[in-house]
Amino acid sequence: MNTLRNSVRLIGHLGDDPKIKKFDGEKSVANFSLATNESFQDHDGNKKKETTWHKLVAWGKQAELAEKYLKKGSEVAIEGKLTNHSYEDKNKETHFITEIVISDIMLLDKKEVH
């Protein structure tokens, strides 16, 4: 049951094209955002839609898949783990970042992949 301790599964649409970086000619990383939507009724009975944005990171084969097949608007299902880190900018302000490191991507677009 170790895999359930830090596991995230989301279905949504990409908010931008994956940004790819290559290291040492072999390693690659992809960074992109994913929007998930939730519909609900407010206390007056009006239908509301709420969008949540998630920062995603893919390494290696998952980054290559993202580079080859994903683009802004693509519908995907992802699985990964939640990570947190911080950095200090030039003004000595600390910024905190929460990302999902992807372990699996499933393409959900209805279009045929060539």
PDB file of N, CA and C in Angstrom:
ATOM      1  N   MET A   1       0.801  -1.195   0.000  1.00  0.00           N
ATOM      2  CA  MET A   1       0.000   0.000   0.000  1.00  0.00           C
ATOM      3  C   MET A   1       0.849   1.267   0.000  1.00  0.00           C
ATOM      4  N   ASN A   2       2.149   1.147  -0.128  1.00  0.00           N
ATOM      5  CA  ASN A   2       3.021   2.319  -0.152  1.00  0.00           C
ATOM      6  C   ASN A   2       2.657   3.303  -1.250  1.00  0.00           C
ATOM      7  N   THR A   3       2.148   2.825  -2.390  1.00  0.00           N
ATOM      8  CA  THR A   3       1.869   3.700  -3.520  1.00  0.00           C
ATOM      9  C   THR A   3       0.737   4.674  -3.237  1.00  0.00           C
ATOM     10  N   LEU A   4      -0.072   4.422  -2.224  1.00  0.00           N
ATOM     11  CA  LEU A   4      -1.188   5.311  -1.922  1.00  0.00           C
ATOM     12  C   LEU A   4      -0.800   6.458  -0.986  1.00  0.00           C
ATOM     13  N   ARG A   5       0.372   6.427  -0.444  1.00  0.00           N
ATOM     14  CA  ARG A   5       0.776   7.447   0.523  1.00  0.00           C
ATOM     15  C   ARG A   5       0.906   8.830  -0.098  1.00  0.00           C
ATOM     16  N   ASN A   6       1.406   8.931  -1.300  1.00  0.00           N
ATOM     17  CA  ASN A   6       1.528  10.222  -1.984  1.00  0.00           C
ATOM     18  C   ASN A   6       1.185   9.986  -3.444  1.00  0.00           C
ATOM     19  N   SER A   7      -0.095   9.913  -3.730  1.00  0.00           N
ATOM     20  CA  SER A   7      -0.561   9.608  -5.069  1.00  0.00           C
ATOM     21  C   SER A   7      -1.618  10.615  -5.490  1.00  0.00           C
ATOM     22  N   VAL A   8      -1.438  11.179  -6.696  1.00  0.00           N
ATOM     23  CA  VAL A   8      -2.374  12.158  -7.234  1.00  0.00           C
ATOM     24  C   VAL A   8      -2.836  11.661  -8.596  1.00  0.00           C
ATOM     25  N   ARG A   9      -4.132  11.711  -8.819  1.00  0.00           N
ATOM     26  CA  ARG A   9      -4.713  11.376 -10.128  1.00  0.00           C
ATOM     27  C   ARG A   9      -5.634  12.507 -10.535  1.00  0.00           C
ATOM     28  N   LEU A  10      -5.427  13.033 -11.753  1.00  0.00           N
ATOM     29  CA  LEU A  10      -6.234  14.137 -12.242  1.00  0.00           C
ATOM     30  C   LEU A  10      -6.590  13.927 -13.699  1.00  0.00           C
ATOM     31  N   ILE A  11      -7.751  14.460 -14.089  1.00  0.00           N
ATOM     32  CA  ILE A  11      -8.150  14.527 -15.494  1.00  0.00           C
ATOM     33  C   ILE A  11      -8.453  15.987 -15.774  1.00  0.00           C
ATOM     34  N   GLY A  12      -7.849  16.495 -16.849  1.00  0.00           N
ATOM     35  CA  GLY A  12      -8.080  17.892 -17.182  1.00  0.00           C
ATOM     36  C   GLY A  12      -7.516  18.243 -18.543  1.00  0.00           C
ATOM     37  N   HIS A  13      -7.432  19.548 -18.796  1.00  0.00           N
ATOM     38  CA  HIS A  13      -6.933  20.064 -20.071  1.00  0.00           C
ATOM     39  C   HIS A  13      -5.688  20.899 -19.838  1.00  0.00           C
ATOM     40  N   LEU A  14      -4.710  20.772 -20.746  1.00  0.00           N
ATOM     41  CA  LEU A  14      -3.482  21.546 -20.642  1.00  0.00           C
ATOM     42  C   LEU A  14      -3.758  23.024 -20.858  1.00  0.00           C
ATOM     43  N   GLY A  15      -3.155  23.853 -20.020  1.00  0.00           N
ATOM     44  CA  GLY A  15      -3.316  25.288 -20.126  1.00  0.00           C
ATOM     45  C   GLY A  15      -2.295  25.931 -21.044  1.00  0.00           C
ATOM     46  N   ASP A  16      -1.274  25.169 -21.407  1.00  0.00           N
ATOM     47  CA  ASP A  16      -0.234  25.674 -22.291  1.00  0.00           C
ATOM     48  C   ASP A  16       0.502  24.502 -22.927  1.00  0.00           C
ATOM     49  N   ASP A  17       1.298  24.783 -23.943  1.00  0.00           N
ATOM     50  CA  ASP A  17       2.139  23.742 -24.532  1.00  0.00           C
ATOM     51  C   ASP A  17       3.222  23.376 -23.522  1.00  0.00           C
ATOM     52  N   PRO A  18       3.616  22.096 -23.458  1.00  0.00           N
ATOM     53  CA  PRO A  18       4.702  21.725 -22.554  1.00  0.00           C
ATOM     54  C   PRO A  18       5.991  22.472 -22.924  1.00  0.00           C
ATOM     55  N   LYS A  19       6.688  22.945 -21.898  1.00  0.00           N
ATOM     56  CA  LYS A  19       7.987  23.580 -22.092  1.00  0.00           C
ATOM     57  C   LYS A  19       9.044  22.528 -21.812  1.00  0.00           C
ATOM     58  N   ILE A  20       9.847  22.209 -22.823  1.00  0.00           N
ATOM     59  CA  ILE A  20      10.814  21.118 -22.739  1.00  0.00           C
ATOM     60  C   ILE A  20      12.216  21.673 -22.539  1.00  0.00           C
ATOM     61  N   LYS A  21      12.955  21.056 -21.616  1.00  0.00           N
ATOM     62  CA  LYS A  21      14.374  21.371 -21.425  1.00  0.00           C
ATOM     63  C   LYS A  21      15.136  20.062 -21.524  1.00  0.00           C
ATOM     64  N   LYS A  22      16.295  20.112 -22.185  1.00  0.00           N
ATOM     65  CA  LYS A  22      17.139  18.916 -22.326  1.00  0.00           C
ATOM     66  C   LYS A  22      18.429  19.137 -21.543  1.00  0.00           C
ATOM     67  N   PHE A  23      18.895  18.088 -20.897  1.00  0.00           N
ATOM     68  CA  PHE A  23      20.126  18.114 -20.113  1.00  0.00           C
ATOM     69  C   PHE A  23      21.076  17.044 -20.619  1.00  0.00           C
ATOM     70  N   ASP A  24      22.331  17.377 -20.745  1.00  0.00           N
ATOM     71  CA  ASP A  24      23.373  16.410 -21.123  1.00  0.00           C
ATOM     72  C   ASP A  24      23.029  15.641 -22.396  1.00  0.00           C
ATOM     73  N   GLY A  25      22.173  16.204 -23.251  1.00  0.00           N
ATOM     74  CA  GLY A  25      21.824  15.564 -24.508  1.00  0.00           C
ATOM     75  C   GLY A  25      20.915  14.356 -24.385  1.00  0.00           C
ATOM     76  N   GLU A  26      20.678  13.873 -23.166  1.00  0.00           N
ATOM     77  CA  GLU A  26      19.877  12.659 -22.985  1.00  0.00           C
ATOM     78  C   GLU A  26      18.643  12.887 -22.112  1.00  0.00           C
ATOM     79  N   LYS A  27      18.825  13.522 -20.972  1.00  0.00           N
ATOM     80  CA  LYS A  27      17.720  13.726 -20.040  1.00  0.00           C
ATOM     81  C   LYS A  27      16.846  14.881 -20.507  1.00  0.00           C
ATOM     82  N   SER A  28      15.547  14.742 -20.263  1.00  0.00           N
ATOM     83  CA  SER A  28      14.638  15.835 -20.608  1.00  0.00           C
ATOM     84  C   SER A  28      13.583  15.991 -19.517  1.00  0.00           C
ATOM     85  N   VAL A  29      13.082  17.228 -19.408  1.00  0.00           N
ATOM     86  CA  VAL A  29      12.029  17.541 -18.444  1.00  0.00           C
ATOM     87  C   VAL A  29      11.001  18.410 -19.164  1.00  0.00           C
ATOM     88  N   ALA A  30       9.736  18.171 -18.858  1.00  0.00           N
ATOM     89  CA  ALA A  30       8.639  18.960 -19.423  1.00  0.00           C
ATOM     90  C   ALA A  30       7.889  19.615 -18.272  1.00  0.00           C
ATOM     91  N   ASN A  31       7.585  20.891 -18.422  1.00  0.00           N
ATOM     92  CA  ASN A  31       6.787  21.633 -17.451  1.00  0.00           C
ATOM     93  C   ASN A  31       5.548  22.161 -18.156  1.00  0.00           C
ATOM     94  N   PHE A  32       4.378  21.975 -17.545  1.00  0.00           N
ATOM     95  CA  PHE A  32       3.142  22.497 -18.112  1.00  0.00           C
ATOM     96  C   PHE A  32       2.082  22.561 -17.027  1.00  0.00           C
ATOM     97  N   SER A  33       0.958  23.202 -17.358  1.00  0.00           N
ATOM     98  CA  SER A  33      -0.123  23.342 -16.385  1.00  0.00           C
ATOM     99  C   SER A  33      -1.343  22.541 -16.838  1.00  0.00           C
ATOM    100  N   LEU A  34      -2.138  22.145 -15.868  1.00  0.00           N
ATOM    101  CA  LEU A  34      -3.353  21.375 -16.125  1.00  0.00           C
ATOM    102  C   LEU A  34      -4.508  22.033 -15.377  1.00  0.00           C
ATOM    103  N   ALA A  35      -5.624  22.219 -16.073  1.00  0.00           N
ATOM    104  CA  ALA A  35      -6.834  22.768 -15.461  1.00  0.00           C
ATOM    105  C   ALA A  35      -7.818  21.636 -15.205  1.00  0.00           C
ATOM    106  N   THR A  36      -8.311  21.562 -13.984  1.00  0.00           N
ATOM    107  CA  THR A  36      -9.386  20.629 -13.664  1.00  0.00           C
ATOM    108  C   THR A  36     -10.621  21.456 -13.326  1.00  0.00           C
ATOM    109  N   ASN A  37     -11.782  20.950 -13.721  1.00  0.00           N
ATOM    110  CA  ASN A  37     -13.043  21.675 -13.513  1.00  0.00           C
ATOM    111  C   ASN A  37     -13.973  20.880 -12.621  1.00  0.00           C
ATOM    112  N   GLU A  38     -14.682  21.607 -11.780  1.00  0.00           N
ATOM    113  CA  GLU A  38     -15.672  20.999 -10.904  1.00  0.00           C
ATOM    114  C   GLU A  38     -16.947  21.816 -11.008  1.00  0.00           C
ATOM    115  N   SER A  39     -18.071  21.153 -11.212  1.00  0.00           N
ATOM    116  CA  SER A  39     -19.369  21.819 -11.283  1.00  0.00           C
ATOM    117  C   SER A  39     -20.150  21.545 -10.005  1.00  0.00           C
ATOM    118  N   PHE A  40     -20.852  22.557  -9.542  1.00  0.00           N
ATOM    119  CA  PHE A  40     -21.654  22.413  -8.325  1.00  0.00           C
ATOM    120  C   PHE A  40     -22.756  23.467  -8.322  1.00  0.00           C
ATOM    121  N   GLN A  41     -23.687  23.326  -7.394  1.00  0.00           N
ATOM    122  CA  GLN A  41     -24.745  24.313  -7.225  1.00  0.00           C
ATOM    123  C   GLN A  41     -24.463  25.125  -5.968  1.00  0.00           C
ATOM    124  N   ASP A  42     -24.599  26.455  -6.089  1.00  0.00           N
ATOM    125  CA  ASP A  42     -24.404  27.295  -4.908  1.00  0.00           C
ATOM    126  C   ASP A  42     -25.656  27.242  -4.033  1.00  0.00           C
ATOM    127  N   HIS A  43     -25.665  27.969  -2.928  1.00  0.00           N
ATOM    128  CA  HIS A  43     -26.790  27.903  -1.978  1.00  0.00           C
ATOM    129  C   HIS A  43     -28.091  28.457  -2.564  1.00  0.00           C
ATOM    130  N   ASP A  44     -28.016  29.217  -3.684  1.00  0.00           N
ATOM    131  CA  ASP A  44     -29.222  29.712  -4.359  1.00  0.00           C
ATOM    132  C   ASP A  44     -29.698  28.784  -5.470  1.00  0.00           C
ATOM    133  N   GLY A  45     -28.990  27.660  -5.667  1.00  0.00           N
ATOM    134  CA  GLY A  45     -29.372  26.707  -6.704  1.00  0.00           C
ATOM    135  C   GLY A  45     -28.794  27.017  -8.071  1.00  0.00           C
ATOM    136  N   ASN A  46     -27.913  28.027  -8.167  1.00  0.00           N
ATOM    137  CA  ASN A  46     -27.275  28.359  -9.443  1.00  0.00           C
ATOM    138  C   ASN A  46     -26.104  27.418  -9.712  1.00  0.00           C
ATOM    139  N   LYS A  47     -26.016  26.967 -10.970  1.00  0.00           N
ATOM    140  CA  LYS A  47     -24.927  26.082 -11.343  1.00  0.00           C
ATOM    141  C   LYS A  47     -23.640  26.893 -11.465  1.00  0.00           C
ATOM    142  N   LYS A  48     -22.587  26.425 -10.807  1.00  0.00           N
ATOM    143  CA  LYS A  48     -21.283  27.096 -10.808  1.00  0.00           C
ATOM    144  C   LYS A  48     -20.222  26.131 -11.306  1.00  0.00           C
ATOM    145  N   LYS A  49     -19.179  26.687 -11.890  1.00  0.00           N
ATOM    146  CA  LYS A  49     -18.047  25.893 -12.355  1.00  0.00           C
ATOM    147  C   LYS A  49     -16.784  26.508 -11.767  1.00  0.00           C
ATOM    148  N   GLU A  50     -15.958  25.675 -11.162  1.00  0.00           N
ATOM    149  CA  GLU A  50     -14.730  26.138 -10.549  1.00  0.00           C
ATOM    150  C   GLU A  50     -13.546  25.446 -11.218  1.00  0.00           C
ATOM    151  N   THR A  51     -12.561  26.219 -11.621  1.00  0.00           N
ATOM    152  CA  THR A  51     -11.361  25.681 -12.264  1.00  0.00           C
ATOM    153  C   THR A  51     -10.186  25.785 -11.300  1.00  0.00           C
ATOM    154  N   THR A  52      -9.434  24.708 -11.185  1.00  0.00           N
ATOM    155  CA  THR A  52      -8.218  24.681 -10.379  1.00  0.00           C
ATOM    156  C   THR A  52      -7.045  24.388 -11.306  1.00  0.00           C
ATOM    157  N   TRP A  53      -5.960  25.154 -11.148  1.00  0.00           N
ATOM    158  CA  TRP A  53      -4.761  24.983 -11.971  1.00  0.00           C
ATOM    159  C   TRP A  53      -3.702  24.229 -11.189  1.00  0.00           C
ATOM    160  N   HIS A  54      -3.013  23.302 -11.880  1.00  0.00           N
ATOM    161  CA  HIS A  54      -1.983  22.462 -11.274  1.00  0.00           C
ATOM    162  C   HIS A  54      -0.702  22.577 -12.097  1.00  0.00           C
ATOM    163  N   LYS A  55       0.434  22.715 -11.420  1.00  0.00           N
ATOM    164  CA  LYS A  55       1.729  22.729 -12.093  1.00  0.00           C
ATOM    165  C   LYS A  55       2.207  21.279 -12.202  1.00  0.00           C
ATOM    166  N   LEU A  56       2.575  20.859 -13.424  1.00  0.00           N
ATOM    167  CA  LEU A  56       3.007  19.485 -13.662  1.00  0.00           C
ATOM    168  C   LEU A  56       4.453  19.451 -14.149  1.00  0.00           C
ATOM    169  N   VAL A  57       5.161  18.386 -13.765  1.00  0.00           N
ATOM    170  CA  VAL A  57       6.529  18.150 -14.212  1.00  0.00           C
ATOM    171  C   VAL A  57       6.623  16.702 -14.671  1.00  0.00           C
ATOM    172  N   ALA A  58       7.183  16.503 -15.855  1.00  0.00           N
ATOM    173  CA  ALA A  58       7.396  15.141 -16.377  1.00  0.00           C
ATOM    174  C   ALA A  58       8.871  14.988 -16.726  1.00  0.00           C
ATOM    175  N   TRP A  59       9.444  13.845 -16.398  1.00  0.00           N
ATOM    176  CA  TRP A  59      10.854  13.565 -16.672  1.00  0.00           C
ATOM    177  C   TRP A  59      10.976  12.384 -17.628  1.00  0.00           C
ATOM    178  N   GLY A  60      12.079  12.290 -18.325  1.00  0.00           N
ATOM    179  CA  GLY A  60      12.415  11.121 -19.139  1.00  0.00           C
ATOM    180  C   GLY A  60      11.382  10.788 -20.190  1.00  0.00           C
ATOM    181  N   LYS A  61      10.934   9.522 -20.177  1.00  0.00           N
ATOM    182  CA  LYS A  61       9.977   9.059 -21.189  1.00  0.00           C
ATOM    183  C   LYS A  61       8.656   9.833 -21.141  1.00  0.00           C
ATOM    184  N   GLN A  62       8.220  10.206 -19.942  1.00  0.00           N
ATOM    185  CA  GLN A  62       6.978  10.965 -19.830  1.00  0.00           C
ATOM    186  C   GLN A  62       7.147  12.360 -20.448  1.00  0.00           C
ATOM    187  N   ALA A  63       8.330  12.954 -20.302  1.00  0.00           N
ATOM    188  CA  ALA A  63       8.607  14.261 -20.922  1.00  0.00           C
ATOM    189  C   ALA A  63       8.621  14.131 -22.438  1.00  0.00           C
ATOM    190  N   GLU A  64       9.193  13.042 -22.956  1.00  0.00           N
ATOM    191  CA  GLU A  64       9.227  12.807 -24.400  1.00  0.00           C
ATOM    192  C   GLU A  64       7.805  12.630 -24.947  1.00  0.00           C
ATOM    193  N   LEU A  65       6.969  11.914 -24.215  1.00  0.00           N
ATOM    194  CA  LEU A  65       5.567  11.727 -24.610  1.00  0.00           C
ATOM    195  C   LEU A  65       4.848  13.078 -24.634  1.00  0.00           C
ATOM    196  N   ALA A  66       5.079  13.886 -23.607  1.00  0.00           N
ATOM    197  CA  ALA A  66       4.451  15.212 -23.544  1.00  0.00           C
ATOM    198  C   ALA A  66       4.896  16.070 -24.724  1.00  0.00           C
ATOM    199  N   GLU A  67       6.182  16.044 -25.026  1.00  0.00           N
ATOM    200  CA  GLU A  67       6.715  16.849 -26.134  1.00  0.00           C
ATOM    201  C   GLU A  67       6.117  16.419 -27.470  1.00  0.00           C
ATOM    202  N   LYS A  68       5.962  15.121 -27.659  1.00  0.00           N
ATOM    203  CA  LYS A  68       5.505  14.586 -28.940  1.00  0.00           C
ATOM    204  C   LYS A  68       3.997  14.728 -29.154  1.00  0.00           C
ATOM    205  N   TYR A  69       3.204  14.545 -28.107  1.00  0.00           N
ATOM    206  CA  TYR A  69       1.754  14.433 -28.294  1.00  0.00           C
ATOM    207  C   TYR A  69       0.893  15.516 -27.642  1.00  0.00           C
ATOM    208  N   LEU A  70       1.419  16.248 -26.661  1.00  0.00           N
ATOM    209  CA  LEU A  70       0.567  17.174 -25.930  1.00  0.00           C
ATOM    210  C   LEU A  70       0.714  18.602 -26.427  1.00  0.00           C
ATOM    211  N   LYS A  71      -0.400  19.323 -26.372  1.00  0.00           N
ATOM    212  CA  LYS A  71      -0.392  20.743 -26.713  1.00  0.00           C
ATOM    213  C   LYS A  71      -1.488  21.420 -25.894  1.00  0.00           C
ATOM    214  N   LYS A  72      -1.482  22.737 -25.893  1.00  0.00           N
ATOM    215  CA  LYS A  72      -2.484  23.487 -25.161  1.00  0.00           C
ATOM    216  C   LYS A  72      -3.878  22.977 -25.539  1.00  0.00           C
ATOM    217  N   GLY A  73      -4.700  22.697 -24.533  1.00  0.00           N
ATOM    218  CA  GLY A  73      -6.052  22.211 -24.758  1.00  0.00           C
ATOM    219  C   GLY A  73      -6.185  20.701 -24.750  1.00  0.00           C
ATOM    220  N   SER A  74      -5.078  19.953 -24.853  1.00  0.00           N
ATOM    221  CA  SER A  74      -5.150  18.485 -24.832  1.00  0.00           C
ATOM    222  C   SER A  74      -5.806  18.001 -23.547  1.00  0.00           C
ATOM    223  N   GLU A  75      -6.673  16.997 -23.688  1.00  0.00           N
ATOM    224  CA  GLU A  75      -7.277  16.385 -22.503  1.00  0.00           C
ATOM    225  C   GLU A  75      -6.451  15.167 -22.117  1.00  0.00           C
ATOM    226  N   VAL A  76      -6.040  15.113 -20.845  1.00  0.00           N
ATOM    227  CA  VAL A  76      -5.196  14.029 -20.363  1.00  0.00           C
ATOM    228  C   VAL A  76      -5.637  13.581 -18.977  1.00  0.00           C
ATOM    229  N   ALA A  77      -5.270  12.353 -18.661  1.00  0.00           N
ATOM    230  CA  ALA A  77      -5.351  11.846 -17.296  1.00  0.00           C
ATOM    231  C   ALA A  77      -3.911  11.654 -16.854  1.00  0.00           C
ATOM    232  N   ILE A  78      -3.586  12.117 -15.665  1.00  0.00           N
ATOM    233  CA  ILE A  78      -2.221  11.953 -15.169  1.00  0.00           C
ATOM    234  C   ILE A  78      -2.244  11.287 -13.799  1.00  0.00           C
ATOM    235  N   GLU A  79      -1.148  10.640 -13.504  1.00  0.00           N
ATOM    236  CA  GLU A  79      -0.931  10.088 -12.169  1.00  0.00           C
ATOM    237  C   GLU A  79       0.475  10.471 -11.771  1.00  0.00           C
ATOM    238  N   GLY A  80       0.645  10.822 -10.517  1.00  0.00           N
ATOM    239  CA  GLY A  80       1.965  11.205 -10.049  1.00  0.00           C
ATOM    240  C   GLY A  80       1.967  11.419  -8.556  1.00  0.00           C
ATOM    241  N   LYS A  81       2.994  12.168  -8.100  1.00  0.00           N
ATOM    242  CA  LYS A  81       3.103  12.451  -6.673  1.00  0.00           C
ATOM    243  C   LYS A  81       3.247  13.946  -6.454  1.00  0.00           C
ATOM    244  N   LEU A  82       2.731  14.402  -5.339  1.00  0.00           N
ATOM    245  CA  LEU A  82       2.770  15.801  -4.968  1.00  0.00           C
ATOM    246  C   LEU A  82       4.145  16.122  -4.382  1.00  0.00           C
ATOM    247  N   THR A  83       4.759  17.214  -4.856  1.00  0.00           N
ATOM    248  CA  THR A  83       6.051  17.646  -4.320  1.00  0.00           C
ATOM    249  C   THR A  83       5.978  19.125  -3.966  1.00  0.00           C
ATOM    250  N   ASN A  84       6.755  19.515  -2.991  1.00  0.00           N
ATOM    251  CA  ASN A  84       6.834  20.906  -2.550  1.00  0.00           C
ATOM    252  C   ASN A  84       8.300  21.306  -2.448  1.00  0.00           C
ATOM    253  N   HIS A  85       8.608  22.517  -2.890  1.00  0.00           N
ATOM    254  CA  HIS A  85       9.932  23.067  -2.668  1.00  0.00           C
ATOM    255  C   HIS A  85       9.844  24.581  -2.628  1.00  0.00           C
ATOM    256  N   SER A  86      10.931  25.188  -2.202  1.00  0.00           N
ATOM    257  CA  SER A  86      10.950  26.645  -2.094  1.00  0.00           C
ATOM    258  C   SER A  86      12.263  27.172  -2.646  1.00  0.00           C
ATOM    259  N   TYR A  87      12.267  28.458  -2.957  1.00  0.00           N
ATOM    260  CA  TYR A  87      13.488  29.125  -3.385  1.00  0.00           C
ATOM    261  C   TYR A  87      13.425  30.576  -2.931  1.00  0.00           C
ATOM    262  N   GLU A  88      14.597  31.172  -2.870  1.00  0.00           N
ATOM    263  CA  GLU A  88      14.690  32.569  -2.475  1.00  0.00           C
ATOM    264  C   GLU A  88      15.076  33.394  -3.695  1.00  0.00           C
ATOM    265  N   ASP A  89      14.305  34.444  -3.975  1.00  0.00           N
ATOM    266  CA  ASP A  89      14.592  35.282  -5.143  1.00  0.00           C
ATOM    267  C   ASP A  89      15.674  36.315  -4.813  1.00  0.00           C
ATOM    268  N   LYS A  90      16.006  37.155  -5.787  1.00  0.00           N
ATOM    269  CA  LYS A  90      17.084  38.137  -5.606  1.00  0.00           C
ATOM    270  C   LYS A  90      16.759  39.184  -4.544  1.00  0.00           C
ATOM    271  N   ASN A  91      15.459  39.330  -4.213  1.00  0.00           N
ATOM    272  CA  ASN A  91      15.047  40.258  -3.158  1.00  0.00           C
ATOM    273  C   ASN A  91      14.955  39.580  -1.793  1.00  0.00           C
ATOM    274  N   LYS A  92      15.487  38.368  -1.714  1.00  0.00           N
ATOM    275  CA  LYS A  92      15.499  37.580  -0.464  1.00  0.00           C
ATOM    276  C   LYS A  92      14.106  37.167  -0.008  1.00  0.00           C
ATOM    277  N   GLU A  93      13.144  37.153  -0.945  1.00  0.00           N
ATOM    278  CA  GLU A  93      11.800  36.671  -0.628  1.00  0.00           C
ATOM    279  C   GLU A  93      11.722  35.179  -0.930  1.00  0.00           C
ATOM    280  N   THR A  94      11.109  34.431  -0.039  1.00  0.00           N
ATOM    281  CA  THR A  94      10.960  32.994  -0.221  1.00  0.00           C
ATOM    282  C   THR A  94       9.662  32.703  -0.957  1.00  0.00           C
ATOM    283  N   HIS A  95       9.754  31.858  -1.976  1.00  0.00           N
ATOM    284  CA  HIS A  95       8.590  31.433  -2.758  1.00  0.00           C
ATOM    285  C   HIS A  95       8.427  29.928  -2.590  1.00  0.00           C
ATOM    286  N   PHE A  96       7.188  29.492  -2.414  1.00  0.00           N
ATOM    287  CA  PHE A  96       6.884  28.078  -2.243  1.00  0.00           C
ATOM    288  C   PHE A  96       6.171  27.569  -3.488  1.00  0.00           C
ATOM    289  N   ILE A  97       6.577  26.393  -3.953  1.00  0.00           N
ATOM    290  CA  ILE A  97       6.011  25.814  -5.164  1.00  0.00           C
ATOM    291  C   ILE A  97       5.518  24.402  -4.862  1.00  0.00           C
ATOM    292  N   THR A  98       4.284  24.127  -5.287  1.00  0.00           N
ATOM    293  CA  THR A  98       3.731  22.778  -5.207  1.00  0.00           C
ATOM    294  C   THR A  98       3.540  22.293  -6.633  1.00  0.00           C
ATOM    295  N   GLU A  99       4.087  21.123  -6.934  1.00  0.00           N
ATOM    296  CA  GLU A  99       3.999  20.537  -8.277  1.00  0.00           C
ATOM    297  C   GLU A  99       3.608  19.080  -8.175  1.00  0.00           C
ATOM    298  N   ILE A 100       3.141  18.558  -9.294  1.00  0.00           N
ATOM    299  CA  ILE A 100       2.882  17.124  -9.393  1.00  0.00           C
ATOM    300  C   ILE A 100       3.915  16.557 -10.349  1.00  0.00           C
ATOM    301  N   VAL A 101       4.721  15.615  -9.861  1.00  0.00           N
ATOM    302  CA  VAL A 101       5.691  14.929 -10.701  1.00  0.00           C
ATOM    303  C   VAL A 101       4.988  13.711 -11.293  1.00  0.00           C
ATOM    304  N   ILE A 102       4.874  13.704 -12.619  1.00  0.00           N
ATOM    305  CA  ILE A 102       4.076  12.703 -13.321  1.00  0.00           C
ATOM    306  C   ILE A 102       4.808  11.367 -13.440  1.00  0.00           C
ATOM    307  N   SER A 103       4.081  10.295 -13.143  1.00  0.00           N
ATOM    308  CA  SER A 103       4.602   8.949 -13.371  1.00  0.00           C
ATOM    309  C   SER A 103       3.904   8.280 -14.553  1.00  0.00           C
ATOM    310  N   ASP A 104       2.697   8.768 -14.903  1.00  0.00           N
ATOM    311  CA  ASP A 104       1.955   8.168 -16.009  1.00  0.00           C
ATOM    312  C   ASP A 104       1.034   9.212 -16.640  1.00  0.00           C
ATOM    313  N   ILE A 105       0.975   9.201 -17.973  1.00  0.00           N
ATOM    314  CA  ILE A 105       0.100  10.098 -18.726  1.00  0.00           C
ATOM    315  C   ILE A 105      -0.762   9.254 -19.657  1.00  0.00           C
ATOM    316  N   MET A 106      -2.065   9.547 -19.689  1.00  0.00           N
ATOM    317  CA  MET A 106      -2.963   8.896 -20.639  1.00  0.00           C
ATOM    318  C   MET A 106      -3.620   9.985 -21.483  1.00  0.00           C
ATOM    319  N   LEU A 107      -3.480   9.874 -22.795  1.00  0.00           N
ATOM    320  CA  LEU A 107      -4.088  10.830 -23.711  1.00  0.00           C
ATOM    321  C   LEU A 107      -5.567  10.517 -23.843  1.00  0.00           C
ATOM    322  N   LEU A 108      -6.416  11.516 -23.674  1.00  0.00           N
ATOM    323  CA  LEU A 108      -7.867  11.302 -23.726  1.00  0.00           C
ATOM    324  C   LEU A 108      -8.530  11.995 -24.908  1.00  0.00           C
ATOM    325  N   ASP A 109      -7.762  12.736 -25.691  1.00  0.00           N
ATOM    326  CA  ASP A 109      -8.338  13.422 -26.859  1.00  0.00           C
ATOM    327  C   ASP A 109      -8.982  12.417 -27.785  1.00  0.00           C
ATOM    328  N   LYS A 110     -10.087  12.829 -28.384  1.00  0.00           N
ATOM    329  CA  LYS A 110     -10.828  11.958 -29.293  1.00  0.00           C
ATOM    330  C   LYS A 110     -10.145  11.852 -30.654  1.00  0.00           C
ATOM    331  N   LYS A 111      -9.240  12.806 -30.945  1.00  0.00           N
ATOM    332  CA  LYS A 111      -8.570  12.812 -32.234  1.00  0.00           C
ATOM    333  C   LYS A 111      -7.623  11.624 -32.340  1.00  0.00           C
ATOM    334  N   GLU A 112      -7.473  11.151 -33.549  1.00  0.00           N
ATOM    335  CA  GLU A 112      -6.572  10.046 -33.820  1.00  0.00           C
ATOM    336  C   GLU A 112      -5.137  10.559 -33.799  1.00  0.00           C
ATOM    337  N   VAL A 113      -4.240   9.839 -33.106  1.00  0.00           N
ATOM    338  CA  VAL A 113      -2.825  10.226 -33.032  1.00  0.00           C
ATOM    339  C   VAL A 113      -2.094   9.601 -34.200  1.00  0.00           C
ATOM    340  N   HIS A 114      -1.344  10.403 -34.962  1.00  0.00           N
ATOM    341  CA  HIS A 114      -0.570   9.888 -36.096  1.00  0.00           C
ATOM    342  C   HIS A 114       0.869   9.679 -35.712  1.00  0.00           C
TER     343      HIS A 114
END
